[in-house]
């Protein structure tokens, strides 16, 4: 069952240098009905990747053909993978209290939040930076999905829709936006956006 009210962190509109990039792959779009099948993260310090985390996750139901074709993750690949309950403690230890950085990251956070709440009665309260939001503020593009931004910045899409690769793409998109903003002499206003405001922007 999907959680209706989540005590999450805030969306922060700024450009931190220390953060953890997060991405997940799932069996569908609804945290209440669908499951995580891969979870990955990149630990970044002073804008440099220092270590990574990645794990396939075994869902309770079979992965359908659409998701297998989209992600390249098959039922055979996850057959011996740990369940999300087993993976979460290691993931949370890796993330620590960092800012979470991701593309349309509310999606990832909702899945992680609901599973953390379900299995450990804990909230996922890390503040987060959404590269989609930053793109909408700073990039004059018609679309702001990850694929469009990767092409715009000439970032390879090989392996797109695998969680660790998408973390790397997101990191590179973020660094490009950050460099462009710095080159223009702009300064991103540091402020918090409520979850309801963020969802209206999306």
C-alpha atoms as a PDB file:
ATOM      1  CA  UNK A   1       0.000   0.000   0.000  1.00  0.00           C
ATOM      2  CA  UNK A   2       1.364   3.397  -1.005  1.00  0.00           C
ATOM      3  CA  UNK A   3       2.033   5.914   1.766  1.00  0.00           C
ATOM      4  CA  UNK A   4      -0.012   9.082   1.207  1.00  0.00           C
ATOM      5  CA  UNK A   5       1.864  11.445   3.514  1.00  0.00           C
ATOM      6  CA  UNK A   6       5.638  11.172   3.662  1.00  0.00           C
ATOM      7  CA  UNK A   7       7.810  12.980   6.199  1.00  0.00           C
ATOM      8  CA  UNK A   8      10.554  13.531   3.632  1.00  0.00           C
ATOM      9  CA  UNK A   9      13.416  15.972   3.373  1.00  0.00           C
ATOM     10  CA  UNK A  10      13.102  19.177   1.372  1.00  0.00           C
ATOM     11  CA  UNK A  11      13.983  19.918  -2.240  1.00  0.00           C
ATOM     12  CA  UNK A  12      16.972  22.253  -2.092  1.00  0.00           C
ATOM     13  CA  UNK A  13      17.673  24.595  -5.006  1.00  0.00           C
ATOM     14  CA  UNK A  14      21.443  24.961  -4.854  1.00  0.00           C
ATOM     15  CA  UNK A  15      24.684  23.428  -6.123  1.00  0.00           C
ATOM     16  CA  UNK A  16      26.367  21.440  -3.335  1.00  0.00           C
ATOM     17  CA  UNK A  17      29.815  19.919  -3.863  1.00  0.00           C
ATOM     18  CA  UNK A  18      29.284  17.035  -1.427  1.00  0.00           C
ATOM     19  CA  UNK A  19      26.310  14.758  -2.089  1.00  0.00           C
ATOM     20  CA  UNK A  20      25.190  11.261  -3.079  1.00  0.00           C
ATOM     21  CA  UNK A  21      23.681  10.629  -6.517  1.00  0.00           C
ATOM     22  CA  UNK A  22      20.852   8.074  -6.355  1.00  0.00           C
ATOM     23  CA  UNK A  23      18.904   6.152  -8.984  1.00  0.00           C
ATOM     24  CA  UNK A  24      16.624   3.131  -8.916  1.00  0.00           C
ATOM     25  CA  UNK A  25      15.005   0.870 -11.486  1.00  0.00           C
ATOM     26  CA  UNK A  26      11.537  -0.452 -10.715  1.00  0.00           C
ATOM     27  CA  UNK A  27       8.820  -2.750 -12.040  1.00  0.00           C
ATOM     28  CA  UNK A  28       6.545   0.250 -12.626  1.00  0.00           C
ATOM     29  CA  UNK A  29       5.645   3.786 -11.573  1.00  0.00           C
ATOM     30  CA  UNK A  30       3.595   3.273  -8.392  1.00  0.00           C
ATOM     31  CA  UNK A  31       5.466   2.833  -5.074  1.00  0.00           C
ATOM     32  CA  UNK A  32       2.345   1.190  -3.666  1.00  0.00           C
ATOM     33  CA  UNK A  33       2.072  -1.472  -6.359  1.00  0.00           C
ATOM     34  CA  UNK A  34       5.543  -1.804  -7.887  1.00  0.00           C
ATOM     35  CA  UNK A  35       8.971  -2.851  -6.636  1.00  0.00           C
ATOM     36  CA  UNK A  36      12.604  -1.786  -6.814  1.00  0.00           C
ATOM     37  CA  UNK A  37      14.732  -4.114  -8.952  1.00  0.00           C
ATOM     38  CA  UNK A  38      17.993  -2.155  -8.841  1.00  0.00           C
ATOM     39  CA  UNK A  39      19.352   0.566  -6.552  1.00  0.00           C
ATOM     40  CA  UNK A  40      22.593   2.482  -7.085  1.00  0.00           C
ATOM     41  CA  UNK A  41      24.427   5.491  -5.686  1.00  0.00           C
ATOM     42  CA  UNK A  42      27.585   7.540  -6.193  1.00  0.00           C
ATOM     43  CA  UNK A  43      29.288   9.236  -3.250  1.00  0.00           C
ATOM     44  CA  UNK A  44      30.648  12.638  -4.318  1.00  0.00           C
ATOM     45  CA  UNK A  45      33.068  14.845  -2.408  1.00  0.00           C
ATOM     46  CA  UNK A  46      34.243  18.206  -3.748  1.00  0.00           C
ATOM     47  CA  UNK A  47      32.414  17.313  -6.978  1.00  0.00           C
ATOM     48  CA  UNK A  48      34.540  14.171  -7.450  1.00  0.00           C
ATOM     49  CA  UNK A  49      33.119  10.634  -7.370  1.00  0.00           C
ATOM     50  CA  UNK A  50      34.911   8.758  -4.586  1.00  0.00           C
ATOM     51  CA  UNK A  51      32.947   5.493  -4.380  1.00  0.00           C
ATOM     52  CA  UNK A  52      29.867   3.719  -5.648  1.00  0.00           C
ATOM     53  CA  UNK A  53      27.101   1.430  -4.434  1.00  0.00           C
ATOM     54  CA  UNK A  54      24.968  -0.819  -6.606  1.00  0.00           C
ATOM     55  CA  UNK A  55      22.768  -3.841  -6.088  1.00  0.00           C
ATOM     56  CA  UNK A  56      20.186  -5.732  -8.062  1.00  0.00           C
ATOM     57  CA  UNK A  57      17.067  -6.460  -6.013  1.00  0.00           C
ATOM     58  CA  UNK A  58      14.835  -9.526  -6.185  1.00  0.00           C
ATOM     59  CA  UNK A  59      11.144  -8.545  -6.420  1.00  0.00           C
ATOM     60  CA  UNK A  60       8.307 -10.719  -5.144  1.00  0.00           C
ATOM     61  CA  UNK A  61       6.796 -10.995  -8.632  1.00  0.00           C
ATOM     62  CA  UNK A  62       8.217 -11.634 -12.076  1.00  0.00           C
ATOM     63  CA  UNK A  63       9.536  -8.678 -14.066  1.00  0.00           C
ATOM     64  CA  UNK A  64       7.380  -8.151 -17.152  1.00  0.00           C
ATOM     65  CA  UNK A  65       8.705  -7.998 -20.708  1.00  0.00           C
ATOM     66  CA  UNK A  66       8.290  -4.211 -21.011  1.00  0.00           C
ATOM     67  CA  UNK A  67      10.530  -3.530 -18.006  1.00  0.00           C
ATOM     68  CA  UNK A  68      13.037  -6.171 -19.116  1.00  0.00           C
ATOM     69  CA  UNK A  69      13.287  -4.535 -22.541  1.00  0.00           C
ATOM     70  CA  UNK A  70      13.536  -1.052 -21.021  1.00  0.00           C
ATOM     71  CA  UNK A  71      16.183  -1.802 -18.397  1.00  0.00           C
ATOM     72  CA  UNK A  72      17.898  -4.928 -19.641  1.00  0.00           C
ATOM     73  CA  UNK A  73      17.285  -6.459 -16.207  1.00  0.00           C
ATOM     74  CA  UNK A  74      15.905  -9.977 -16.536  1.00  0.00           C
ATOM     75  CA  UNK A  75      14.290 -12.383 -14.095  1.00  0.00           C
ATOM     76  CA  UNK A  76      17.377 -14.585 -14.292  1.00  0.00           C
ATOM     77  CA  UNK A  77      19.569 -11.641 -13.268  1.00  0.00           C
ATOM     78  CA  UNK A  78      17.586 -10.979 -10.082  1.00  0.00           C
ATOM     79  CA  UNK A  79      16.883 -14.615  -9.173  1.00  0.00           C
ATOM     80  CA  UNK A  80      19.772 -14.750  -6.696  1.00  0.00           C
ATOM     81  CA  UNK A  81      19.726 -11.054  -5.748  1.00  0.00           C
ATOM     82  CA  UNK A  82      18.880  -9.934  -2.195  1.00  0.00           C
ATOM     83  CA  UNK A  83      15.442  -8.604  -1.297  1.00  0.00           C
ATOM     84  CA  UNK A  84      15.045  -4.860  -0.760  1.00  0.00           C
ATOM     85  CA  UNK A  85      14.761  -5.383   3.014  1.00  0.00           C
ATOM     86  CA  UNK A  86      18.295  -6.801   2.986  1.00  0.00           C
ATOM     87  CA  UNK A  87      19.729  -4.127   0.688  1.00  0.00           C
ATOM     88  CA  UNK A  88      18.333  -1.053   2.449  1.00  0.00           C
ATOM     89  CA  UNK A  89      20.611  -1.027   5.536  1.00  0.00           C
ATOM     90  CA  UNK A  90      23.750  -1.088   3.357  1.00  0.00           C
ATOM     91  CA  UNK A  91      22.289   1.580   1.086  1.00  0.00           C
ATOM     92  CA  UNK A  92      21.416   3.865   4.004  1.00  0.00           C
ATOM     93  CA  UNK A  93      24.871   3.380   5.515  1.00  0.00           C
ATOM     94  CA  UNK A  94      26.376   4.423   2.173  1.00  0.00           C
ATOM     95  CA  UNK A  95      24.143   7.494   1.811  1.00  0.00           C
ATOM     96  CA  UNK A  96      24.563   8.707   5.413  1.00  0.00           C
ATOM     97  CA  UNK A  97      23.146  12.220   5.905  1.00  0.00           C
ATOM     98  CA  UNK A  98      24.151  13.505   2.469  1.00  0.00           C
ATOM     99  CA  UNK A  99      22.103  15.616   0.134  1.00  0.00           C
ATOM    100  CA  UNK A 100      20.480  13.231  -2.344  1.00  0.00           C
ATOM    101  CA  UNK A 101      20.951  14.232  -5.977  1.00  0.00           C
ATOM    102  CA  UNK A 102      18.891  12.700  -8.749  1.00  0.00           C
ATOM    103  CA  UNK A 103      16.846  13.366 -11.870  1.00  0.00           C
ATOM    104  CA  UNK A 104      13.141  13.606 -11.107  1.00  0.00           C
ATOM    105  CA  UNK A 105      14.428  12.356  -7.784  1.00  0.00           C
ATOM    106  CA  UNK A 106      11.068  12.511  -6.025  1.00  0.00           C
ATOM    107  CA  UNK A 107      10.242   9.259  -7.837  1.00  0.00           C
ATOM    108  CA  UNK A 108      13.291   7.476  -6.413  1.00  0.00           C
ATOM    109  CA  UNK A 109      12.839   8.930  -2.942  1.00  0.00           C
ATOM    110  CA  UNK A 110       9.188   7.854  -2.725  1.00  0.00           C
ATOM    111  CA  UNK A 111      10.069   4.221  -3.474  1.00  0.00           C
ATOM    112  CA  UNK A 112      12.972   4.224  -1.016  1.00  0.00           C
ATOM    113  CA  UNK A 113      10.917   6.037   1.627  1.00  0.00           C
ATOM    114  CA  UNK A 114       8.010   3.599   1.425  1.00  0.00           C
ATOM    115  CA  UNK A 115      10.250   0.541   1.661  1.00  0.00           C
ATOM    116  CA  UNK A 116      12.255   2.015   4.536  1.00  0.00           C
ATOM    117  CA  UNK A 117       9.019   2.802   6.349  1.00  0.00           C
ATOM    118  CA  UNK A 118       7.542  -0.623   5.623  1.00  0.00           C
ATOM    119  CA  UNK A 119      10.489  -2.693   6.794  1.00  0.00           C
ATOM    120  CA  UNK A 120      12.215  -0.478   9.368  1.00  0.00           C
ATOM    121  CA  UNK A 121       9.575   2.076  10.463  1.00  0.00           C
ATOM    122  CA  UNK A 122      11.996   4.868   9.530  1.00  0.00           C
ATOM    123  CA  UNK A 123      11.613   8.027   7.456  1.00  0.00           C
ATOM    124  CA  UNK A 124      13.963   8.877   4.590  1.00  0.00           C
ATOM    125  CA  UNK A 125      14.536  12.523   5.509  1.00  0.00           C
ATOM    126  CA  UNK A 126      17.642  13.519   3.530  1.00  0.00           C
ATOM    127  CA  UNK A 127      17.223  16.834   1.717  1.00  0.00           C
ATOM    128  CA  UNK A 128      17.517  16.480  -2.032  1.00  0.00           C
ATOM    129  CA  UNK A 129      18.575  18.277  -5.206  1.00  0.00           C
ATOM    130  CA  UNK A 130      16.610  17.561  -8.396  1.00  0.00           C
ATOM    131  CA  UNK A 131      18.550  18.011 -11.635  1.00  0.00           C
ATOM    132  CA  UNK A 132      15.256  18.210 -13.522  1.00  0.00           C
ATOM    133  CA  UNK A 133      14.326  21.229 -11.423  1.00  0.00           C
ATOM    134  CA  UNK A 134      17.767  22.795 -11.975  1.00  0.00           C
ATOM    135  CA  UNK A 135      17.422  22.195 -15.708  1.00  0.00           C
ATOM    136  CA  UNK A 136      14.047  23.926 -15.816  1.00  0.00           C
ATOM    137  CA  UNK A 137      15.542  26.946 -14.072  1.00  0.00           C
ATOM    138  CA  UNK A 138      18.802  27.204 -16.012  1.00  0.00           C
ATOM    139  CA  UNK A 139      18.474  25.346 -19.350  1.00  0.00           C
ATOM    140  CA  UNK A 140      16.489  26.769 -22.255  1.00  0.00           C
ATOM    141  CA  UNK A 141      15.149  23.452 -23.527  1.00  0.00           C
ATOM    142  CA  UNK A 142      11.678  22.219 -24.460  1.00  0.00           C
ATOM    143  CA  UNK A 143      12.164  18.936 -22.612  1.00  0.00           C
ATOM    144  CA  UNK A 144      14.084  18.249 -19.431  1.00  0.00           C
ATOM    145  CA  UNK A 145      14.177  14.462 -19.209  1.00  0.00           C
ATOM    146  CA  UNK A 146      17.513  12.757 -18.629  1.00  0.00           C
ATOM    147  CA  UNK A 147      17.849  11.517 -22.208  1.00  0.00           C
ATOM    148  CA  UNK A 148      17.327  15.011 -23.653  1.00  0.00           C
ATOM    149  CA  UNK A 149      19.855  16.557 -21.274  1.00  0.00           C
ATOM    150  CA  UNK A 150      22.418  13.837 -21.940  1.00  0.00           C
ATOM    151  CA  UNK A 151      22.169  14.474 -25.686  1.00  0.00           C
ATOM    152  CA  UNK A 152      22.346  18.234 -25.132  1.00  0.00           C
ATOM    153  CA  UNK A 153      25.583  17.885 -23.161  1.00  0.00           C
ATOM    154  CA  UNK A 154      27.014  15.105 -25.385  1.00  0.00           C
ATOM    155  CA  UNK A 155      26.942  12.556 -22.572  1.00  0.00           C
ATOM    156  CA  UNK A 156      26.908   8.889 -23.557  1.00  0.00           C
ATOM    157  CA  UNK A 157      23.575   7.103 -23.076  1.00  0.00           C
ATOM    158  CA  UNK A 158      25.062   3.632 -23.375  1.00  0.00           C
ATOM    159  CA  UNK A 159      23.527   1.549 -20.600  1.00  0.00           C
ATOM    160  CA  UNK A 160      20.755   4.103 -19.939  1.00  0.00           C
ATOM    161  CA  UNK A 161      18.040   2.675 -17.643  1.00  0.00           C
ATOM    162  CA  UNK A 162      20.518   0.765 -15.544  1.00  0.00           C
ATOM    163  CA  UNK A 163      20.696   2.441 -12.154  1.00  0.00           C
ATOM    164  CA  UNK A 164      24.451   2.980 -11.826  1.00  0.00           C
ATOM    165  CA  UNK A 165      24.754   4.255 -15.406  1.00  0.00           C
ATOM    166  CA  UNK A 166      21.876   6.662 -14.798  1.00  0.00           C
ATOM    167  CA  UNK A 167      23.659   7.880 -11.655  1.00  0.00           C
ATOM    168  CA  UNK A 168      26.716   8.626 -13.791  1.00  0.00           C
ATOM    169  CA  UNK A 169      24.622  10.391 -16.455  1.00  0.00           C
ATOM    170  CA  UNK A 170      22.861  12.445 -13.778  1.00  0.00           C
ATOM    171  CA  UNK A 171      26.187  13.380 -12.187  1.00  0.00           C
ATOM    172  CA  UNK A 172      27.550  14.563 -15.544  1.00  0.00           C
ATOM    173  CA  UNK A 173      24.382  16.522 -16.331  1.00  0.00           C
ATOM    174  CA  UNK A 174      24.602  18.192 -12.919  1.00  0.00           C
ATOM    175  CA  UNK A 175      28.254  19.107 -13.395  1.00  0.00           C
ATOM    176  CA  UNK A 176      27.507  20.625 -16.809  1.00  0.00           C
ATOM    177  CA  UNK A 177      24.632  22.723 -15.466  1.00  0.00           C
ATOM    178  CA  UNK A 178      26.784  23.816 -12.531  1.00  0.00           C
ATOM    179  CA  UNK A 179      29.632  24.871 -14.846  1.00  0.00           C
ATOM    180  CA  UNK A 180      27.264  26.778 -17.128  1.00  0.00           C
ATOM    181  CA  UNK A 181      25.743  28.650 -14.209  1.00  0.00           C
ATOM    182  CA  UNK A 182      29.202  29.527 -12.867  1.00  0.00           C
ATOM    183  CA  UNK A 183      30.361  30.672 -16.321  1.00  0.00           C
ATOM    184  CA  UNK A 184      27.379  33.013 -16.589  1.00  0.00           C
ATOM    185  CA  UNK A 185      28.178  34.449 -13.196  1.00  0.00           C
ATOM    186  CA  UNK A 186      24.787  33.384 -11.900  1.00  0.00           C
ATOM    187  CA  UNK A 187      24.159  32.377  -8.340  1.00  0.00           C
ATOM    188  CA  UNK A 188      21.491  29.861  -7.530  1.00  0.00           C
ATOM    189  CA  UNK A 189      19.278  31.065  -4.711  1.00  0.00           C
ATOM    190  CA  UNK A 190      19.377  28.646  -1.819  1.00  0.00           C
ATOM    191  CA  UNK A 191      15.855  27.883  -0.722  1.00  0.00           C
ATOM    192  CA  UNK A 192      13.650  24.991   0.215  1.00  0.00           C
ATOM    193  CA  UNK A 193      10.659  23.866  -1.794  1.00  0.00           C
ATOM    194  CA  UNK A 194       7.854  21.908  -0.202  1.00  0.00           C
ATOM    195  CA  UNK A 195       6.893  18.549  -1.664  1.00  0.00           C
ATOM    196  CA  UNK A 196       3.548  19.914  -2.924  1.00  0.00           C
ATOM    197  CA  UNK A 197       5.289  22.820  -4.679  1.00  0.00           C
ATOM    198  CA  UNK A 198       7.779  20.419  -6.260  1.00  0.00           C
ATOM    199  CA  UNK A 199       5.028  18.166  -7.589  1.00  0.00           C
ATOM    200  CA  UNK A 200       3.286  21.200  -9.126  1.00  0.00           C
ATOM    201  CA  UNK A 201       6.524  22.079 -10.936  1.00  0.00           C
ATOM    202  CA  UNK A 202       6.739  18.567 -12.359  1.00  0.00           C
END
